[in-house]
Amino acid sequence: MAGTNLKPVINAVGLSKEFRDFWNRPKAKAVNDIDFQIYPGEVVGLLGPNGSGKSTTVKMLLGLLYPTAGQLTVFGKSPRDVETKKLMGYLPEETYLYKYLSAAETLEFFAALFNLSAAERKSRCEQLLDMVGLSHARNRPVGEFSKGMARRIGLAQAMVNDPSLLILDEPTSGLDPLGCKEVKDLIMLLKKRGKTVLVTSHLLSDVEDICDRVIILYGGKIRATGTLDELLTIPEESSIKTPLLKPEVTEKVIKILRENLKGEDFQVEHPRKSLENFFLEVISRAKSEVETAGVVSGGKIANYLKKEESPTESVLKDLVGQPSEEDIAKEEEEKAREAEKVKNRLAVEKEEKVRTEKLKDFASISDEEAEALPEEKSEAEEKTEYDKKEKKELEEVDEKLKHLLGD
């Protein structure tokens, strides 16, 4: 499409977006100097792992974020222009709806935002409900909808204004296989009507089914772009598709192929990679060149998620001399018990040593010194003597009081 005379629906030149902190210091460059164009009637896939800059690019296309640098136009105007927004339809990744409105009321509400007449609103809403398969639930509150049903009503609201440009973020998320096929068929139908569609999705098989071109982002930069044929074809190899051949024919291969096909059509073409394999190759190369603010796996599984060791694994570890986790735990427990025993033994030995020293000191004094030592009294005897002494003191006080009172 780049070689045609058509004006691009979306034109980005040197587009960049840098986020800054409170002190206006650079924090992250989500989009870094990218150029791309999308032409009328194209279905283009915007791909990339989490944190690659897809959402930031979409928000700039919708006029929700200002670019830090570069130029971005949609239908030749700023994305923030009101007339531009009238030509756009957007399905966000998460469907945000007023849960107390019914399906019909939801579409009526969004249609009213575009100043459509009452008759036009009613007609479009009925057609959209039928198109997404929700006519039977037209009067149900959308808060009761499953994720798949909410996705369908979200897709309907994105098309209520008959937009020339549709931006669909994960359009098949939450849909069953039949719903996915219906959405893909709908996108192809919109393409035939001349609509331009930008799709972001992690389901690469869906992208491969519907997109004319793809743009792959990583670390805020475009790592690959082009048609699926350009990107996925392997020119160094060839494949031949034929009807089912007899075993003896397959041995002779191409030399007698034409003789045995007897005029039947066959084609020779280059084999293609899957979009998923190509995507992973591009991201793998990009990872070696640049760090990204996106999500990166730590490469380790949490300990509590690890599966328990099977008896077979335990036996194999024993055979190769490697202890199992259970053996290691038992060994640690045994070590702890041994350490406690040693600690207790040392405490007893220390106590015995102190007692022995005292006995030695006592044995070294003479009989006269031993007799001079005060005798140890029992606790009961000490208490009896204390009570007698206290009683005697009370009697003396009582006598003094009687004397003072003149008794």
Protein backbone atom coordinates (compact mmCIF):
# COMPACT_ATOMS: atom_id res chain seq x y z
CA MET A 1 0.00 0.00 0.00
CA ALA A 2 2.97 2.31 0.51
CA GLY A 3 3.48 2.56 -3.23
CA THR A 4 -0.11 3.67 -3.95
CA ASN A 5 -1.39 7.24 -4.30
CA LEU A 6 -3.75 6.81 -1.36
CA LYS A 7 -3.27 9.13 1.57
CA PRO A 8 -2.53 7.25 4.79
CA VAL A 9 -5.24 7.10 7.41
CA ILE A 10 -2.54 7.08 10.10
CA ASN A 11 0.84 8.72 9.53
CA ALA A 12 3.52 8.63 12.23
CA VAL A 13 6.95 10.20 11.68
CA GLY A 14 9.62 10.16 14.40
CA LEU A 15 6.91 9.44 16.96
CA SER A 16 8.24 9.34 20.53
CA LYS A 17 6.76 9.34 24.01
CA GLU A 18 8.87 9.79 27.13
CA PHE A 19 7.37 9.62 30.60
CA ARG A 20 8.85 11.82 33.33
CA ASP A 21 8.64 11.86 37.12
CA PHE A 22 7.44 14.68 39.41
CA TRP A 23 10.78 16.48 39.06
CA ASN A 24 10.56 16.29 35.25
CA ARG A 25 13.37 13.76 35.10
CA PRO A 26 13.19 11.12 32.30
CA LYS A 27 11.66 7.94 33.70
CA ALA A 28 10.92 5.69 30.70
CA LYS A 29 10.87 6.10 26.94
CA ALA A 30 7.84 4.02 25.98
CA VAL A 31 7.94 4.88 22.26
CA ASN A 32 11.25 5.75 20.64
CA ASP A 33 11.32 7.47 17.23
CA ILE A 34 9.04 5.20 15.18
CA ASP A 35 7.71 5.72 11.64
CA PHE A 36 4.71 3.91 10.17
CA GLN A 37 1.72 4.46 7.91
CA ILE A 38 -1.62 2.69 7.70
CA TYR A 39 -3.68 3.06 4.52
CA PRO A 40 -7.43 2.88 3.83
CA GLY A 41 -8.88 -0.63 3.72
CA GLU A 42 -5.93 -2.25 5.51
CA VAL A 43 -6.10 -4.57 8.50
CA VAL A 44 -2.85 -4.06 10.40
CA GLY A 45 -1.65 -5.92 13.47
CA LEU A 46 0.28 -3.99 16.13
CA LEU A 47 2.23 -6.64 18.00
CA GLY A 48 4.71 -6.80 20.85
CA PRO A 49 5.17 -8.23 24.33
CA ASN A 50 3.95 -6.40 27.43
CA GLY A 51 5.82 -3.12 27.90
CA SER A 52 6.84 -2.82 24.25
CA GLY A 53 4.94 0.45 23.64
CA LYS A 54 1.71 -0.82 22.04
CA SER A 55 -0.70 0.73 24.55
CA THR A 56 1.18 4.05 24.55
CA THR A 57 1.01 4.16 20.74
CA VAL A 58 -2.73 3.42 20.78
CA LYS A 59 -3.35 6.13 23.40
CA MET A 60 -1.53 8.66 21.23
CA LEU A 61 -3.64 7.60 18.24
CA LEU A 62 -6.75 8.18 20.34
CA GLY A 63 -5.54 11.60 21.46
CA LEU A 64 -5.32 10.53 25.10
CA LEU A 65 -1.56 11.18 25.27
CA TYR A 66 0.59 13.90 23.70
CA PRO A 67 3.67 12.75 21.78
CA THR A 68 6.95 13.98 23.26
CA ALA A 69 8.43 14.31 19.78
CA GLY A 70 7.58 13.60 16.16
CA GLN A 71 4.40 13.99 14.14
CA LEU A 72 1.19 11.97 14.27
CA THR A 73 -1.88 12.52 12.12
CA VAL A 74 -5.12 10.58 11.75
CA PHE A 75 -7.10 11.38 8.59
CA GLY A 76 -4.63 14.22 8.04
CA LYS A 77 -5.49 15.95 11.33
CA SER A 78 -4.51 15.83 14.97
CA PRO A 79 -5.89 12.81 16.85
CA ARG A 80 -7.33 15.26 19.38
CA ASP A 81 -9.50 16.96 16.76
CA VAL A 82 -13.22 16.39 17.44
CA GLU A 83 -13.99 15.76 13.77
CA THR A 84 -11.26 13.11 13.73
CA LYS A 85 -12.72 11.35 16.77
CA LYS A 86 -16.10 11.07 15.02
CA LEU A 87 -14.45 8.86 12.39
CA MET A 88 -12.90 6.48 14.94
CA GLY A 89 -14.19 3.49 16.90
CA TYR A 90 -12.32 1.98 19.83
CA LEU A 91 -12.60 -1.31 21.70
CA PRO A 92 -10.43 -1.18 24.84
CA GLU A 93 -8.70 -4.25 26.23
CA GLU A 94 -11.08 -4.24 29.21
CA THR A 95 -14.75 -3.59 28.44
CA TYR A 96 -15.96 -0.77 30.73
CA LEU A 97 -19.75 -0.58 30.79
CA TYR A 98 -22.48 0.88 33.01
CA LYS A 99 -23.59 -2.34 34.67
CA TYR A 100 -27.18 -1.25 35.42
CA LEU A 101 -27.96 -0.40 31.78
CA SER A 102 -29.36 -3.09 29.51
CA ALA A 103 -27.59 -4.06 26.28
CA ALA A 104 -30.02 -1.95 24.23
CA GLU A 105 -29.72 1.04 26.60
CA THR A 106 -25.90 0.79 26.47
CA LEU A 107 -25.84 1.08 22.70
CA GLU A 108 -28.46 3.86 22.80
CA PHE A 109 -26.25 5.78 25.22
CA PHE A 110 -23.14 5.54 23.04
CA ALA A 111 -25.13 6.33 19.89
CA ALA A 112 -26.49 9.48 21.55
CA LEU A 113 -22.92 10.74 22.04
CA PHE A 114 -22.67 11.07 18.24
CA ASN A 115 -25.91 13.10 18.00
CA LEU A 116 -27.74 10.44 16.00
CA SER A 117 -31.48 10.83 15.67
CA ALA A 118 -33.77 8.64 17.80
CA ALA A 119 -34.89 6.62 14.77
CA GLU A 120 -31.29 6.11 13.60
CA ARG A 121 -30.18 5.13 17.09
CA LYS A 122 -32.91 2.52 17.42
CA SER A 123 -32.24 1.09 13.96
CA ARG A 124 -28.47 0.82 14.48
CA CYS A 125 -28.81 -0.67 17.95
CA GLU A 126 -31.12 -3.43 16.74
CA GLN A 127 -28.79 -4.23 13.83
CA LEU A 128 -25.70 -4.28 16.07
CA LEU A 129 -27.34 -6.52 18.68
CA ASP A 130 -28.30 -8.95 15.95
CA MET A 131 -24.81 -8.76 14.40
CA VAL A 132 -22.99 -9.64 17.68
CA GLY A 133 -25.58 -12.27 18.66
CA LEU A 134 -27.10 -10.49 21.66
CA SER A 135 -30.66 -9.88 20.47
CA HIS A 136 -31.94 -12.40 23.02
CA ALA A 137 -30.25 -10.44 25.83
CA ARG A 138 -31.19 -6.94 24.71
CA ASN A 139 -33.06 -6.16 27.96
CA ARG A 140 -30.61 -7.78 30.40
CA PRO A 141 -28.34 -5.52 32.48
CA VAL A 142 -24.82 -5.72 31.12
CA GLY A 143 -23.55 -6.20 34.69
CA GLU A 144 -24.91 -9.75 34.45
CA PHE A 145 -23.01 -10.49 31.23
CA SER A 146 -20.16 -12.98 31.04
CA LYS A 147 -16.80 -11.72 29.78
CA GLY A 148 -17.55 -13.04 26.29
CA MET A 149 -20.93 -11.28 26.17
CA ALA A 150 -19.40 -8.05 27.51
CA ARG A 151 -16.79 -8.30 24.78
CA ARG A 152 -19.52 -8.59 22.15
CA ILE A 153 -21.41 -5.54 23.40
CA GLY A 154 -18.08 -3.66 23.57
CA LEU A 155 -17.43 -4.50 19.93
CA ALA A 156 -20.94 -3.30 19.03
CA GLN A 157 -20.43 0.08 20.77
CA ALA A 158 -17.16 0.55 18.89
CA MET A 159 -19.10 0.44 15.60
CA VAL A 160 -22.20 2.39 16.59
CA ASN A 161 -20.97 5.53 14.76
CA ASP A 162 -20.03 3.60 11.58
CA PRO A 163 -16.32 4.56 11.97
CA SER A 164 -13.85 4.67 9.11
CA LEU A 165 -11.03 3.62 11.47
CA LEU A 166 -11.45 0.88 14.06
CA ILE A 167 -8.86 0.33 16.78
CA LEU A 168 -9.45 -3.03 18.43
CA ASP A 169 -7.42 -3.97 21.51
CA GLU A 170 -7.55 -7.76 22.04
CA PRO A 171 -10.90 -8.12 20.20
CA THR A 172 -11.16 -11.91 20.70
CA SER A 173 -10.21 -11.91 24.39
CA GLY A 174 -12.70 -13.97 26.42
CA LEU A 175 -14.54 -15.31 23.38
CA ASP A 176 -15.11 -18.98 22.63
CA PRO A 177 -13.79 -20.41 19.32
CA LEU A 178 -17.10 -19.73 17.58
CA GLY A 179 -17.14 -16.14 18.86
CA CYS A 180 -13.53 -15.68 17.71
CA LYS A 181 -14.44 -16.83 14.22
CA GLU A 182 -17.43 -14.49 14.11
CA VAL A 183 -15.29 -11.51 15.12
CA LYS A 184 -12.64 -12.38 12.53
CA ASP A 185 -15.32 -12.76 9.85
CA LEU A 186 -16.75 -9.38 10.88
CA ILE A 187 -13.34 -7.71 10.57
CA MET A 188 -12.91 -9.16 7.08
CA LEU A 189 -16.40 -7.89 6.18
CA LEU A 190 -15.48 -4.40 7.42
CA LYS A 191 -12.33 -4.56 5.30
CA LYS A 192 -14.43 -5.29 2.21
CA ARG A 193 -16.46 -2.18 3.03
CA GLY A 194 -13.25 -0.14 2.94
CA LYS A 195 -12.84 0.24 6.69
CA THR A 196 -9.34 0.51 8.17
CA VAL A 197 -8.68 -1.70 11.18
CA LEU A 198 -5.78 -1.63 13.64
CA VAL A 199 -5.66 -4.74 15.82
CA THR A 200 -3.49 -5.39 18.87
CA SER A 201 -3.49 -8.96 20.07
CA HIS A 202 -1.36 -11.61 21.74
CA LEU A 203 -3.23 -14.34 19.83
CA LEU A 204 -0.90 -14.50 16.86
CA SER A 205 -2.92 -17.14 15.04
CA ASP A 206 -5.86 -14.71 14.93
CA VAL A 207 -3.61 -11.94 13.64
CA GLU A 208 -2.27 -14.26 10.96
CA ASP A 209 -5.82 -15.04 9.81
CA ILE A 210 -6.98 -11.45 9.31
CA CYS A 211 -4.06 -9.00 8.98
CA ASP A 212 -2.53 -7.73 5.75
CA ARG A 213 0.51 -6.30 7.53
CA VAL A 214 2.02 -6.41 10.98
CA ILE A 215 4.17 -4.00 12.99
CA ILE A 216 6.24 -5.63 15.74
CA LEU A 217 7.41 -3.42 18.61
CA TYR A 218 9.99 -4.09 21.29
CA GLY A 219 11.59 -1.61 23.67
CA GLY A 220 9.64 1.23 22.06
CA LYS A 221 11.11 0.61 18.59
CA ILE A 222 9.76 -1.09 15.47
CA ARG A 223 11.72 -4.32 15.06
CA ALA A 224 9.93 -5.65 11.97
CA THR A 225 7.14 -4.53 9.67
CA GLY A 226 5.68 -5.72 6.39
CA THR A 227 3.12 -8.03 4.85
CA LEU A 228 2.81 -11.55 6.18
CA ASP A 229 4.12 -12.94 2.89
CA GLU A 230 7.22 -10.74 3.10
CA LEU A 231 7.95 -11.61 6.71
CA LEU A 232 7.01 -15.26 6.92
CA THR A 233 8.16 -16.65 3.58
CA ILE A 234 11.42 -18.64 3.68
CA PRO A 235 13.05 -17.91 0.28
CA GLU A 236 15.91 -20.39 0.77
CA GLU A 237 13.53 -23.35 0.69
CA SER A 238 10.80 -24.65 -1.62
CA SER A 239 7.80 -26.90 -1.14
CA ILE A 240 5.57 -28.70 -3.65
CA LYS A 241 1.88 -29.36 -2.99
CA THR A 242 0.31 -32.22 -4.94
CA PRO A 243 -2.68 -34.54 -4.66
CA LEU A 244 -2.05 -37.81 -2.83
CA LEU A 245 0.57 -39.78 -4.75
CA LYS A 246 1.20 -43.51 -4.98
CA PRO A 247 4.27 -44.78 -3.07
CA GLU A 248 6.22 -45.53 -6.21
CA VAL A 249 5.62 -42.02 -7.54
CA THR A 250 7.03 -40.34 -4.42
CA GLU A 251 10.35 -42.15 -4.98
CA LYS A 252 10.83 -40.56 -8.37
CA VAL A 253 10.01 -37.08 -7.05
CA ILE A 254 10.00 -34.23 -9.57
CA LYS A 255 11.43 -36.11 -12.53
CA ILE A 256 8.26 -38.10 -13.23
CA LEU A 257 5.87 -35.86 -11.24
CA ARG A 258 4.30 -34.27 -14.28
CA GLU A 259 3.89 -37.67 -15.99
CA ASN A 260 1.98 -39.19 -13.10
CA LEU A 261 -0.19 -36.14 -12.35
CA LYS A 262 -1.51 -36.27 -15.91
CA GLY A 263 -2.30 -32.58 -16.17
CA GLU A 264 -3.50 -32.09 -12.59
CA ASP A 265 -2.56 -28.76 -11.12
CA PHE A 266 0.23 -28.51 -8.59
CA GLN A 267 2.17 -25.56 -7.29
CA VAL A 268 5.70 -24.89 -6.20
CA GLU A 269 6.08 -22.24 -3.50
CA HIS A 270 8.33 -21.20 -0.68
CA PRO A 271 7.36 -22.59 2.74
CA ARG A 272 6.33 -20.11 5.42
CA LYS A 273 7.04 -19.79 9.10
CA SER A 274 4.17 -19.32 11.47
CA LEU A 275 3.66 -15.75 12.66
CA GLU A 276 4.24 -16.91 16.23
CA ASN A 277 7.69 -18.34 15.40
CA PHE A 278 8.66 -15.21 13.47
CA PHE A 279 7.46 -13.00 16.34
CA LEU A 280 9.55 -14.91 18.88
CA GLU A 281 12.62 -14.70 16.65
CA VAL A 282 12.30 -10.92 16.30
CA ILE A 283 11.83 -10.42 20.05
CA SER A 284 14.76 -12.73 20.83
CA ARG A 285 17.06 -10.66 18.60
CA ALA A 286 15.74 -7.40 20.08
CA LYS A 287 16.36 -8.60 23.65
CA SER A 288 20.06 -8.97 22.91
CA GLU A 289 20.22 -5.35 21.73
CA VAL A 290 18.20 -3.38 24.26
CA GLU A 291 16.68 -3.56 27.71
CA THR A 292 12.97 -2.89 28.03
CA ALA A 293 10.68 -1.63 30.77
CA GLY A 294 8.30 -4.47 29.96
CA VAL A 295 7.63 -7.63 31.91
CA VAL A 296 10.52 -10.12 31.93
CA SER A 297 10.40 -13.51 33.56
CA GLY A 298 12.81 -14.12 36.42
CA GLY A 299 13.47 -17.60 35.06
CA LYS A 300 12.74 -19.30 38.38
CA ILE A 301 9.60 -20.81 39.80
CA ALA A 302 8.43 -19.91 43.30
CA ASN A 303 9.41 -22.53 45.86
CA TYR A 304 5.85 -23.19 46.97
CA LEU A 305 4.84 -23.92 43.37
CA LYS A 306 7.45 -26.61 42.88
CA LYS A 307 6.05 -30.11 42.63
CA GLU A 308 6.85 -32.64 45.30
CA GLU A 309 9.56 -35.14 44.47
CA SER A 310 8.18 -38.46 43.26
CA PRO A 311 9.42 -41.79 44.69
CA THR A 312 11.07 -42.55 41.35
CA GLU A 313 13.05 -39.30 41.42
CA SER A 314 14.10 -40.03 45.00
CA VAL A 315 15.36 -43.52 44.06
CA LEU A 316 17.27 -42.13 41.06
CA LYS A 317 18.96 -39.53 43.24
CA ASP A 318 19.96 -42.24 45.70
CA LEU A 319 21.46 -44.29 42.87
CA VAL A 320 23.59 -41.40 41.64
CA GLY A 321 24.55 -40.40 45.15
CA GLN A 322 22.53 -37.15 45.19
CA PRO A 323 20.41 -36.70 48.35
CA SER A 324 16.71 -36.04 47.97
CA GLU A 325 14.99 -33.03 49.52
CA GLU A 326 13.45 -35.29 52.15
CA ASP A 327 16.89 -36.70 53.08
CA ILE A 328 18.33 -33.20 53.34
CA ALA A 329 15.49 -32.15 55.66
CA LYS A 330 16.04 -35.22 57.86
CA GLU A 331 19.77 -34.55 57.98
CA GLU A 332 19.20 -30.95 59.07
CA GLU A 333 16.78 -32.10 61.77
CA GLU A 334 19.30 -34.69 63.04
CA LYS A 335 22.02 -32.03 63.17
CA ALA A 336 19.76 -29.77 65.25
CA ARG A 337 19.05 -32.60 67.72
CA GLU A 338 22.77 -33.39 68.06
CA ALA A 339 23.56 -29.73 68.68
CA GLU A 340 20.91 -29.59 71.45
CA LYS A 341 22.37 -32.72 73.07
CA VAL A 342 25.87 -31.23 73.08
CA LYS A 343 24.54 -28.01 74.59
CA ASN A 344 22.76 -29.86 77.40
CA ARG A 345 25.84 -32.02 78.09
CA LEU A 346 28.06 -28.95 78.40
CA ALA A 347 25.59 -27.33 80.81
CA VAL A 348 25.56 -30.46 83.03
CA GLU A 349 29.37 -30.66 83.00
CA LYS A 350 29.61 -27.01 84.02
CA GLU A 351 27.21 -27.54 86.92
CA GLU A 352 29.15 -30.63 88.08
CA LYS A 353 32.39 -28.66 87.94
CA VAL A 354 30.98 -25.89 90.15
CA ARG A 355 29.66 -28.44 92.68
CA THR A 356 33.03 -30.22 92.75
CA GLU A 357 34.87 -26.96 93.44
CA LYS A 358 32.55 -26.20 96.34
CA LEU A 359 33.13 -29.68 97.84
CA LYS A 360 36.88 -29.22 97.52
CA ASP A 361 36.71 -25.89 99.35
CA PHE A 362 34.58 -27.38 102.10
CA ALA A 363 36.91 -30.39 102.53
CA SER A 364 39.93 -28.12 102.97
CA ILE A 365 38.68 -26.43 106.25
CA SER A 366 39.39 -27.82 109.75
CA ASP A 367 36.89 -29.46 112.11
CA GLU A 368 36.90 -26.38 114.36
CA GLU A 369 36.08 -24.09 111.36
CA ALA A 370 33.36 -26.47 110.26
CA GLU A 371 31.72 -26.37 113.73
CA ALA A 372 31.92 -22.55 113.71
CA LEU A 373 29.92 -22.37 110.50
CA PRO A 374 26.26 -21.47 111.11
CA GLU A 375 23.95 -24.39 110.75
CA GLU A 376 21.58 -24.24 107.82
CA LYS A 377 17.97 -24.14 108.87
CA SER A 378 15.02 -25.35 106.97
CA GLU A 379 12.53 -22.91 105.55
CA ALA A 380 9.83 -24.12 108.00
CA GLU A 381 12.09 -23.53 111.00
CA GLU A 382 12.99 -20.02 109.82
CA LYS A 383 9.29 -19.17 109.42
CA THR A 384 8.46 -20.43 112.97
CA GLU A 385 11.20 -18.31 114.52
CA TYR A 386 10.00 -15.24 112.56
CA ASP A 387 6.42 -15.75 113.79
CA LYS A 388 7.57 -16.08 117.42
CA LYS A 389 9.64 -12.90 117.20
CA GLU A 390 6.74 -10.97 115.64
CA LYS A 391 4.34 -12.23 118.34
CA LYS A 392 6.75 -11.12 121.08
CA GLU A 393 7.03 -7.62 119.57
CA LEU A 394 3.22 -7.34 119.42
CA GLU A 395 2.90 -8.33 123.09
CA GLU A 396 5.45 -5.67 124.07
CA VAL A 397 3.51 -3.00 122.15
CA ASP A 398 0.30 -4.12 123.77
CA GLU A 399 1.86 -3.79 127.27
CA LYS A 400 3.04 -0.26 126.54
CA LEU A 401 -0.42 0.75 125.35
CA LYS A 402 -2.02 -0.61 128.53
CA HIS A 403 0.46 1.32 130.63
CA LEU A 404 -0.28 4.55 128.82
CA LEU A 405 -4.03 4.12 129.17
CA GLY A 406 -3.67 3.54 132.88
CA ASP A 407 -4.86 -0.03 133.01
